[in-house]
Amino acid sequence: MKNVSAPEEFEAATLAACLLDPAYAIPRARALLAPADFTTPGHGDVFGALCAVADEGPVETLDERIDPLTVSARLGDARWKDRLTELLDVGASAANVEYYARKVSDAAQVRGVEAILAEGVRGCRSPDSSATSVAQETAVALLRTLEGARDRGGFRKLGAFEALQSIEERGRSTGVPGLATGFAEVDRVTHGFRPKELVVIGGVAKGGKTTTALSIARHNALVDGVAGAIVSAEMGREQINELLLSATAKVPRDEIARGCFDIDAGRRLSEAAARLDAAPLWVDDRAPATLDGVRAASLALKAKHPEIQYVIVDFLQLIRVELRGRRGDEELTAVSYGLLELAKQANVTVIATCQLNQKDIERRQDHRPQLADLQGSSGMVQAAHFCALTYRPAMYNVTAPPTIELDFPAGGVRRTPAFRATLLWDGRHARVDNDDTRDRWKPQAGGAAIGRSYAAASDD
């Protein structure tokens, strides 16, 4: 075939390949294209007719059911027969159909980007628009285009075989099939968190929720090499770096705060800094953080770095959203559902930390938190796929072991039984770790699991 460069010629080549070898070419072209992706007059109609005829019977009989005559009959105009016959003479190869189709798809996506940017310009010129809303809508639209997602009226075929393929891939995985936490007890039950899931980690002040979230980020960035982002509405970028350096180098936080440490600690900090700088981890420490701002920035980052798999938001009560006079629980519910929408739009896991109602917990004899202790818990629990509550016994009993419990209670999990994981707490180095000395996950009545470990670790 001659060297083709114009989109019109790639469109013709795609259609020719589908006519030459329908059983092979049509399914492959359909995986990449929709009729609207063709710009040459009539080409989209031809592709739609090819797909319609293909849907009327099994793939195995496509070669018998598709030719210029049957397709022109589907188009309702016999004059198409001559044009379709001409397509057979363009010299295309059915073996190259995916190459042709990708060229057509790329051109369609470029047109889509142009249209999105033009719409953004029109939005900027509207007297009722805001920079944040225009930026967010533009980022969402661009992300869909860059990921190859098309809005074809909302409804799509169920796609059960696609789901089955995903399930089988999880079964073949040698590691954690989803986003790992690095905590063996948690990953064993959840099999990792999935894209489009919202995970809430609730805890009292100094209860370990931020340290837990940063431990997850550190594991993914340094151990699994999984890209992610941290939105910190509480701490600045420098504070986050210090916590991650302390945890990675195992240099006490107080020594880092003073800037006084020995030569060996300095060497470890230097090595940790090199690892963290090379890690696929981004930080946004704007203050104050708004829901629209968090979504817009996260979607823009995802568009630039499609490999991003998770976003950590610390913490939920500090994210502001405008509700025209409504506050409190309604605001937290709006933020929770807004973060869930971000997870869906960006195809990531969103992990949000949340402050618990500490006064109510301290008044009880049993200081373990409950779902009701989540401020604005009703909407938050409904939005989240997982709610984990942190509990450090040593906060209430100085003789207690240096552990931190992650409790996933009934009513706070969607796709797993309720369970509780007990991990090692090392507040001096801003770490939450596994206890590798024993297998501590044991099913309990009602689906709970309680870990038992009294291994030594530093107190906060």
Protein backbone atom coordinates (compact mmCIF):
# COMPACT_ATOMS: atom_id res chain seq x y z
CA MET A 1 0.00 0.00 0.00
CA LYS A 2 1.21 3.51 -0.73
CA ASN A 3 2.40 5.68 2.17
CA VAL A 4 -0.72 7.20 3.68
CA SER A 5 -0.73 10.18 6.05
CA ALA A 6 -4.12 11.89 5.77
CA PRO A 7 -6.81 10.68 8.21
CA GLU A 8 -9.17 10.16 5.23
CA GLU A 9 -6.82 7.55 3.77
CA PHE A 10 -6.52 5.72 7.09
CA GLU A 11 -10.31 5.74 7.34
CA ALA A 12 -10.55 4.19 3.86
CA ALA A 13 -7.88 1.64 4.76
CA THR A 14 -9.77 0.66 7.93
CA LEU A 15 -13.00 0.13 6.02
CA ALA A 16 -11.20 -1.79 3.28
CA ALA A 17 -9.64 -4.12 5.86
CA CYS A 18 -13.08 -4.76 7.37
CA LEU A 19 -14.47 -5.65 3.94
CA LEU A 20 -11.50 -7.85 3.01
CA ASP A 21 -11.48 -9.95 6.20
CA PRO A 22 -14.58 -9.15 8.27
CA ALA A 23 -14.18 -11.88 10.90
CA TYR A 24 -10.66 -10.73 11.71
CA ALA A 25 -10.82 -6.97 11.15
CA ILE A 26 -14.23 -5.81 12.38
CA PRO A 27 -13.87 -6.91 16.05
CA ARG A 28 -10.43 -5.31 16.21
CA ALA A 29 -11.57 -2.07 14.61
CA ARG A 30 -14.62 -1.87 16.90
CA ALA A 31 -12.38 -2.12 19.97
CA LEU A 32 -10.70 1.11 18.91
CA LEU A 33 -13.31 3.08 16.98
CA ALA A 34 -16.87 4.35 16.93
CA PRO A 35 -18.69 5.63 13.80
CA ALA A 36 -18.36 9.20 15.12
CA ASP A 37 -14.56 8.93 14.89
CA PHE A 38 -14.73 9.06 11.05
CA THR A 39 -14.76 12.48 9.40
CA THR A 40 -14.92 11.69 5.68
CA PRO A 41 -18.57 11.93 4.55
CA GLY A 42 -20.15 8.50 4.52
CA HIS A 43 -17.29 6.66 6.20
CA GLY A 44 -18.97 6.70 9.61
CA ASP A 45 -22.18 5.37 8.05
CA VAL A 46 -20.28 2.54 6.38
CA PHE A 47 -18.56 1.57 9.63
CA GLY A 48 -21.89 1.67 11.46
CA ALA A 49 -23.43 -0.58 8.80
CA LEU A 50 -20.54 -3.03 9.05
CA CYS A 51 -21.03 -3.22 12.82
CA ALA A 52 -24.81 -3.61 12.45
CA VAL A 53 -24.45 -6.53 10.05
CA ALA A 54 -21.83 -8.08 12.32
CA ASP A 55 -24.26 -7.94 15.26
CA GLU A 56 -26.86 -9.99 13.37
CA GLY A 57 -24.96 -13.25 13.63
CA PRO A 58 -21.89 -14.99 15.05
CA VAL A 59 -18.39 -13.79 14.25
CA GLU A 60 -17.62 -17.10 12.55
CA THR A 61 -20.06 -16.31 9.70
CA LEU A 62 -18.98 -12.71 9.12
CA ASP A 63 -16.97 -13.56 6.02
CA GLU A 64 -20.14 -15.01 4.45
CA ARG A 65 -22.48 -12.21 5.54
CA ILE A 66 -20.46 -9.11 4.65
CA ASP A 67 -19.70 -7.87 1.14
CA PRO A 68 -20.35 -4.61 -0.74
CA LEU A 69 -23.87 -5.73 -1.65
CA THR A 70 -25.05 -6.59 1.88
CA VAL A 71 -23.49 -3.44 3.36
CA SER A 72 -25.01 -1.18 0.70
CA ALA A 73 -28.38 -2.83 1.38
CA ARG A 74 -27.93 -2.01 5.07
CA LEU A 75 -27.17 1.60 4.11
CA GLY A 76 -30.39 1.69 2.10
CA ASP A 77 -28.80 2.92 -1.10
CA ALA A 78 -27.58 0.61 -3.88
CA ARG A 79 -25.26 3.33 -5.14
CA TRP A 80 -22.98 2.54 -2.20
CA LYS A 81 -22.06 -0.79 -3.82
CA ASP A 82 -19.69 0.83 -6.31
CA ARG A 83 -18.02 2.95 -3.62
CA LEU A 84 -17.52 -0.09 -1.39
CA THR A 85 -16.06 -2.02 -4.30
CA GLU A 86 -13.59 0.82 -4.83
CA LEU A 87 -12.53 0.54 -1.18
CA LEU A 88 -11.44 -3.03 -1.83
CA ASP A 89 -8.92 -1.68 -4.35
CA VAL A 90 -7.10 0.78 -2.06
CA GLY A 91 -4.43 -1.83 -1.31
CA ALA A 92 -5.01 -2.13 2.41
CA SER A 93 -4.04 -5.23 4.40
CA ALA A 94 -6.46 -6.71 6.92
CA ALA A 95 -3.46 -7.68 9.06
CA ASN A 96 -2.76 -3.96 9.60
CA VAL A 97 -6.30 -3.00 10.61
CA GLU A 98 -5.32 -2.07 14.18
CA TYR A 99 -2.63 0.28 12.88
CA TYR A 100 -5.10 2.00 10.57
CA ALA A 101 -7.76 2.18 13.29
CA ARG A 102 -5.35 3.72 15.80
CA LYS A 103 -4.45 6.43 13.30
CA VAL A 104 -8.15 7.23 12.88
CA SER A 105 -8.65 7.14 16.67
CA ASP A 106 -5.67 9.43 17.29
CA ALA A 107 -7.04 11.98 14.84
CA ALA A 108 -10.45 11.80 16.51
CA GLN A 109 -8.89 12.38 19.93
CA VAL A 110 -6.97 15.41 18.65
CA ARG A 111 -10.25 16.85 17.38
CA GLY A 112 -11.77 16.09 20.75
CA VAL A 113 -9.00 17.95 22.58
CA GLU A 114 -9.46 20.94 20.26
CA ALA A 115 -13.19 20.97 21.00
CA ILE A 116 -12.62 20.72 24.77
CA LEU A 117 -10.14 23.60 24.76
CA ALA A 118 -12.49 25.70 22.64
CA GLU A 119 -15.29 25.02 25.12
CA GLY A 120 -12.95 26.00 27.95
CA VAL A 121 -12.22 29.32 26.25
CA ARG A 122 -15.96 29.93 25.88
CA GLY A 123 -16.42 29.11 29.54
CA CYS A 124 -13.75 31.60 30.56
CA ARG A 125 -15.58 34.32 28.66
CA SER A 126 -18.90 33.60 30.37
CA PRO A 127 -19.77 36.20 33.05
CA ASP A 128 -21.08 33.46 35.39
CA SER A 129 -18.04 31.19 35.21
CA SER A 130 -15.25 30.74 37.74
CA ALA A 131 -11.68 29.76 36.98
CA THR A 132 -11.93 26.73 39.27
CA SER A 133 -15.09 25.32 37.69
CA VAL A 134 -13.82 25.86 34.13
CA ALA A 135 -10.47 24.26 35.00
CA GLN A 136 -12.15 21.29 36.66
CA GLU A 137 -14.59 20.63 33.81
CA THR A 138 -11.80 20.98 31.25
CA ALA A 139 -9.50 18.64 33.21
CA VAL A 140 -12.24 15.99 33.48
CA ALA A 141 -13.01 16.18 29.77
CA LEU A 142 -9.33 16.02 28.80
CA LEU A 143 -8.76 13.06 31.09
CA ARG A 144 -11.57 11.14 29.43
CA THR A 145 -10.10 11.89 26.02
CA LEU A 146 -6.55 10.96 26.99
CA GLU A 147 -7.70 7.67 28.50
CA GLY A 148 -9.66 6.86 25.35
CA ALA A 149 -13.02 7.05 27.13
CA ARG A 150 -15.89 8.14 24.92
CA ASP A 151 -19.26 9.45 25.97
CA ARG A 152 -21.62 7.46 23.71
CA GLY A 153 -24.88 8.42 25.37
CA GLY A 154 -24.09 6.93 28.79
CA PHE A 155 -25.22 3.33 28.27
CA ARG A 156 -22.81 0.58 27.30
CA LYS A 157 -23.11 -3.17 26.91
CA LEU A 158 -22.77 -4.97 30.21
CA GLY A 159 -19.36 -6.42 29.35
CA ALA A 160 -19.50 -9.52 31.56
CA PHE A 161 -16.57 -11.13 29.75
CA GLU A 162 -14.45 -8.03 30.44
CA ALA A 163 -15.28 -8.39 34.13
CA LEU A 164 -14.46 -12.10 33.98
CA GLN A 165 -11.11 -11.32 32.36
CA SER A 166 -10.33 -8.87 35.17
CA ILE A 167 -11.28 -11.50 37.76
CA GLU A 168 -9.05 -14.09 36.08
CA GLU A 169 -6.15 -11.62 35.98
CA ARG A 170 -6.53 -11.09 39.72
CA GLY A 171 -6.39 -14.85 40.18
CA ARG A 172 -3.17 -15.10 38.17
CA SER A 173 -1.51 -12.27 40.10
CA THR A 174 1.41 -13.40 42.26
CA GLY A 175 1.12 -10.35 44.51
CA VAL A 176 -1.71 -8.19 45.78
CA PRO A 177 -4.04 -7.69 42.79
CA GLY A 178 -5.18 -4.24 43.92
CA LEU A 179 -3.48 -1.26 45.57
CA ALA A 180 -1.46 -2.76 48.41
CA THR A 181 -1.26 -1.11 51.82
CA GLY A 182 1.92 -2.94 52.76
CA PHE A 183 0.08 -4.33 55.80
CA ALA A 184 -0.15 -8.09 55.28
CA GLU A 185 -3.25 -8.51 57.45
CA VAL A 186 -5.16 -5.82 55.55
CA ASP A 187 -4.02 -6.90 52.08
CA ARG A 188 -4.92 -10.53 52.81
CA VAL A 189 -8.56 -9.66 53.45
CA THR A 190 -9.11 -6.80 50.97
CA HIS A 191 -6.80 -8.14 48.21
CA GLY A 192 -5.80 -4.52 47.86
CA PHE A 193 -7.98 -1.49 47.30
CA ARG A 194 -9.42 -1.07 43.82
CA PRO A 195 -9.67 1.86 41.41
CA LYS A 196 -12.82 3.96 41.92
CA GLU A 197 -12.93 3.07 45.64
CA LEU A 198 -13.04 5.59 48.51
CA VAL A 199 -11.25 4.50 51.69
CA VAL A 200 -11.71 6.50 54.91
CA ILE A 201 -9.18 6.16 57.75
CA GLY A 202 -10.62 7.66 60.93
CA GLY A 203 -8.76 8.36 64.14
CA VAL A 204 -8.56 10.72 67.10
CA ALA A 205 -5.84 13.37 67.26
CA LYS A 206 -2.44 11.64 67.60
CA GLY A 207 -4.25 8.36 66.89
CA GLY A 208 -2.07 7.45 63.91
CA LYS A 209 -4.36 8.11 60.95
CA THR A 210 -1.88 10.32 59.06
CA THR A 211 1.06 8.04 59.87
CA THR A 212 -0.96 5.08 58.60
CA ALA A 213 -1.82 6.88 55.34
CA LEU A 214 1.80 7.97 54.81
CA SER A 215 2.98 4.41 55.49
CA ILE A 216 0.71 3.24 52.65
CA ALA A 217 2.14 5.93 50.38
CA ARG A 218 5.71 5.04 51.34
CA HIS A 219 5.13 1.34 50.65
CA ASN A 220 3.65 2.02 47.22
CA ALA A 221 6.27 4.59 46.26
CA LEU A 222 9.39 2.75 47.47
CA VAL A 223 8.47 -0.94 47.50
CA ASP A 224 5.91 -1.44 44.72
CA GLY A 225 6.84 1.57 42.57
CA VAL A 226 3.18 2.57 42.29
CA ALA A 227 2.56 6.23 41.48
CA GLY A 228 0.36 8.32 43.76
CA ALA A 229 -0.39 11.75 45.16
CA ILE A 230 -0.86 13.31 48.58
CA VAL A 231 -3.17 16.26 49.20
CA SER A 232 -2.26 17.69 52.60
CA ALA A 233 -4.64 20.27 54.02
CA GLU A 234 -2.98 20.07 57.44
CA MET A 235 0.78 19.82 56.95
CA GLY A 236 3.13 21.54 54.55
CA ARG A 237 5.32 19.78 52.01
CA GLU A 238 8.39 20.15 54.24
CA GLN A 239 6.66 18.42 57.17
CA ILE A 240 5.57 15.55 54.95
CA ASN A 241 9.12 15.18 53.66
CA GLU A 242 10.46 15.05 57.21
CA LEU A 243 7.98 12.34 58.20
CA LEU A 244 8.80 10.26 55.13
CA LEU A 245 12.54 10.75 55.64
CA SER A 246 12.26 9.68 59.28
CA ALA A 247 10.25 6.59 58.36
CA THR A 248 12.46 5.61 55.43
CA ALA A 249 15.84 6.24 57.08
CA LYS A 250 14.67 5.19 60.57
CA VAL A 251 16.09 8.34 62.06
CA PRO A 252 14.05 9.63 65.04
CA ARG A 253 11.75 12.54 64.32
CA ASP A 254 13.13 14.61 67.20
CA GLU A 255 16.67 14.31 65.81
CA ILE A 256 15.45 15.47 62.40
CA ALA A 257 13.56 18.36 64.02
CA ARG A 258 16.74 19.52 65.78
CA GLY A 259 18.98 18.78 62.82
CA CYS A 260 21.32 16.87 65.14
CA PHE A 261 22.22 13.31 64.22
CA ASP A 262 25.35 11.19 63.86
CA ILE A 263 27.25 10.38 60.67
CA ASP A 264 25.49 7.05 60.14
CA ALA A 265 22.06 8.67 60.47
CA GLY A 266 23.15 11.36 58.03
CA ARG A 267 24.16 8.71 55.52
CA ARG A 268 20.81 6.95 55.89
CA LEU A 269 18.94 10.21 55.48
CA SER A 270 20.88 10.97 52.30
CA GLU A 271 20.06 7.55 50.89
CA ALA A 272 16.41 7.95 51.88
CA ALA A 273 16.23 11.36 50.23
CA ALA A 274 17.59 9.90 46.98
CA ARG A 275 15.01 7.08 47.03
CA LEU A 276 12.11 9.41 47.82
CA ASP A 277 13.11 11.94 45.17
CA ALA A 278 13.16 9.15 42.57
CA ALA A 279 9.81 7.79 43.73
CA PRO A 280 6.58 8.47 41.75
CA LEU A 281 4.95 10.58 44.47
CA TRP A 282 3.49 14.08 44.21
CA VAL A 283 2.32 16.47 46.96
CA ASP A 284 -0.21 19.32 47.01
CA ASP A 285 -0.10 21.32 50.26
CA ARG A 286 -2.31 24.25 49.36
CA ALA A 287 -4.18 25.96 52.20
CA PRO A 288 -7.06 26.26 52.45
CA ALA A 289 -7.96 23.25 50.29
CA THR A 290 -11.33 23.22 48.53
CA LEU A 291 -13.12 20.23 47.06
CA ASP A 292 -13.16 21.78 43.60
CA GLY A 293 -9.46 22.58 43.88
CA VAL A 294 -8.55 19.08 45.02
CA ARG A 295 -10.52 17.50 42.20
CA ALA A 296 -9.18 19.85 39.53
CA ALA A 297 -5.55 19.44 40.64
CA SER A 298 -5.84 15.66 40.95
CA LEU A 299 -7.48 15.27 37.55
CA ALA A 300 -4.86 17.49 35.95
CA LEU A 301 -2.10 15.40 37.55
CA LYS A 302 -3.76 12.19 36.36
CA ALA A 303 -4.00 13.59 32.84
CA LYS A 304 -0.29 14.40 32.90
CA HIS A 305 0.70 11.17 34.66
CA PRO A 306 -1.79 8.41 33.72
CA GLU A 307 0.16 5.98 35.91
CA ILE A 308 -1.24 7.60 39.09
CA GLN A 309 -3.19 4.91 40.99
CA TYR A 310 -4.10 6.56 44.29
CA VAL A 311 -4.70 9.94 45.93
CA ILE A 312 -4.37 10.45 49.69
CA VAL A 313 -6.34 13.35 51.21
CA ASP A 314 -5.30 14.45 54.72
CA PHE A 315 -7.67 15.22 56.23
CA LEU A 316 -11.31 15.27 55.24
CA GLN A 317 -12.66 17.90 57.67
CA LEU A 318 -10.19 20.48 56.37
CA ILE A 319 -11.48 20.27 52.78
CA ARG A 320 -13.92 23.10 52.17
CA VAL A 321 -16.95 23.04 49.88
CA GLU A 322 -19.50 25.76 49.23
CA LEU A 323 -23.03 24.66 50.18
CA ARG A 324 -24.78 28.05 50.37
CA GLY A 325 -25.38 28.31 54.09
CA ARG A 326 -25.34 24.63 55.00
CA ARG A 327 -22.54 23.37 57.25
CA GLY A 328 -21.48 20.51 59.48
CA ASP A 329 -22.54 17.01 58.49
CA GLU A 330 -23.94 18.15 55.14
CA GLU A 331 -20.60 19.65 54.20
CA LEU A 332 -18.70 16.49 55.17
CA THR A 333 -21.15 14.36 53.22
CA ALA A 334 -20.65 16.58 50.16
CA VAL A 335 -16.87 16.31 50.49
CA SER A 336 -17.09 12.51 50.87
CA TYR A 337 -19.21 12.08 47.76
CA GLY A 338 -17.02 14.57 45.92
CA LEU A 339 -13.95 12.46 46.68
CA LEU A 340 -15.84 9.34 45.57
CA GLU A 341 -16.60 11.10 42.30
CA LEU A 342 -12.90 11.96 41.97
CA ALA A 343 -12.03 8.28 42.43
CA LYS A 344 -14.41 7.36 39.60
CA GLN A 345 -13.38 10.17 37.26
CA ALA A 346 -9.64 9.60 37.67
CA ASN A 347 -9.90 5.79 37.99
CA VAL A 348 -7.87 5.83 41.21
CA THR A 349 -8.25 4.80 44.83
CA VAL A 350 -8.88 7.80 47.07
CA ILE A 351 -7.74 7.39 50.69
CA ALA A 352 -9.03 10.13 53.00
CA THR A 353 -8.17 10.52 56.67
CA CYS A 354 -10.86 11.76 59.03
CA GLN A 355 -10.94 13.17 62.56
CA LEU A 356 -13.02 11.24 65.09
CA ASN A 357 -15.17 12.77 67.82
CA GLN A 358 -12.59 12.48 70.59
CA LYS A 359 -14.74 13.72 73.49
CA ASP A 360 -17.32 11.00 73.00
CA ILE A 361 -14.60 8.34 72.84
CA GLU A 362 -12.87 9.53 76.00
CA ARG A 363 -16.14 9.48 77.95
CA ARG A 364 -16.58 5.77 77.24
CA GLN A 365 -14.93 3.03 79.25
CA ASP A 366 -13.96 1.27 76.01
CA HIS A 367 -11.96 3.80 74.03
CA ARG A 368 -12.02 1.81 70.81
CA PRO A 369 -13.67 4.01 68.16
CA GLN A 370 -16.97 3.15 66.50
CA LEU A 371 -18.44 4.17 63.15
CA ALA A 372 -20.72 6.61 64.97
CA ASP A 373 -17.60 8.50 66.11
CA LEU A 374 -16.91 9.61 62.55
CA GLN A 375 -17.99 13.24 62.37
CA GLY A 376 -20.74 13.38 59.78
CA SER A 377 -20.60 9.59 59.76
CA SER A 378 -23.87 8.87 57.97
CA GLY A 379 -22.98 10.31 54.57
CA MET A 380 -19.30 9.44 54.91
CA VAL A 381 -19.94 5.76 55.61
CA GLN A 382 -22.42 5.57 52.74
CA ALA A 383 -19.91 7.08 50.31
CA ALA A 384 -16.91 4.99 51.40
CA HIS A 385 -16.15 1.45 50.29
CA PHE A 386 -13.98 0.93 53.38
CA CYS A 387 -13.92 2.72 56.74
CA ALA A 388 -10.89 1.89 58.92
CA LEU A 389 -10.75 3.15 62.51
CA THR A 390 -7.37 3.50 64.22
CA TYR A 391 -6.84 2.67 67.89
CA ARG A 392 -3.61 2.84 69.87
CA PRO A 393 -4.01 1.17 73.29
CA ALA A 394 -0.93 2.96 74.68
CA MET A 395 -2.76 6.29 74.43
CA TYR A 396 -5.01 5.16 77.29
CA ASN A 397 -2.83 2.64 79.11
CA VAL A 398 0.91 3.19 79.53
CA THR A 399 1.49 -0.55 80.03
CA ALA A 400 -0.17 -1.45 76.74
CA PRO A 401 1.96 -2.78 73.87
CA PRO A 402 3.13 -0.36 71.16
CA THR A 403 0.55 -1.43 68.59
CA ILE A 404 -2.04 0.22 66.39
CA GLU A 405 -5.27 -1.48 65.46
CA LEU A 406 -6.98 -0.90 62.14
CA ASP A 407 -10.59 -1.87 62.68
CA PHE A 408 -12.81 -2.39 59.63
CA PRO A 409 -16.18 -2.78 61.39
CA ALA A 410 -19.40 -4.27 60.06
CA GLY A 411 -21.25 -1.53 58.22
CA GLY A 412 -17.98 0.07 57.19
CA VAL A 413 -16.94 -2.45 54.52
CA ARG A 414 -18.66 -3.30 51.24
CA ARG A 415 -16.92 -6.29 49.67
CA THR A 416 -15.18 -8.04 52.58
CA PRO A 417 -16.14 -9.35 56.00
CA ALA A 418 -15.51 -7.10 58.96
CA PHE A 419 -12.01 -7.56 60.38
CA ARG A 420 -9.41 -6.00 62.62
CA ALA A 421 -5.67 -5.88 61.93
CA THR A 422 -3.09 -5.26 64.66
CA LEU A 423 0.18 -3.69 63.53
CA LEU A 424 3.30 -2.29 65.14
CA TRP A 425 3.30 1.40 66.02
CA ASP A 426 6.62 3.24 65.85
CA GLY A 427 5.71 6.86 66.44
CA ARG A 428 9.30 7.90 66.98
CA HIS A 429 10.03 7.11 63.33
CA ALA A 430 6.54 7.88 61.95
CA ARG A 431 6.05 4.25 60.94
CA VAL A 432 3.32 1.64 60.99
CA ASP A 433 4.77 -1.81 60.32
CA ASN A 434 3.87 -5.47 60.08
CA ASP A 435 4.92 -7.89 62.76
CA ASP A 436 6.74 -10.47 60.68
CA THR A 437 7.41 -12.80 63.62
CA ARG A 438 4.08 -14.62 63.44
CA ASP A 439 0.88 -14.98 61.43
CA ARG A 440 -1.55 -13.01 63.53
CA TRP A 441 -4.71 -12.91 61.40
CA LYS A 442 -7.32 -15.22 62.91
CA PRO A 443 -11.01 -15.19 61.94
CA GLN A 444 -13.31 -14.44 64.86
CA ALA A 445 -17.03 -14.77 65.42
CA GLY A 446 -19.00 -12.42 63.21
CA GLY A 447 -16.24 -12.15 60.62
CA ALA A 448 -13.83 -10.15 62.80
CA ALA A 449 -10.12 -10.81 62.91
CA ILE A 450 -7.92 -9.80 65.81
CA GLY A 451 -4.16 -9.63 65.72
CA ARG A 452 -2.10 -10.33 68.86
CA SER A 453 1.41 -8.94 69.03
CA TYR A 454 3.54 -7.60 71.83
CA ALA A 455 6.71 -7.02 69.84
CA ALA A 456 8.80 -4.07 70.99
CA ALA A 457 8.42 -0.74 69.27
CA SER A 458 8.93 2.91 70.18
CA ASP A 459 6.10 4.95 71.66
CA ASP A 460 4.98 8.21 70.14
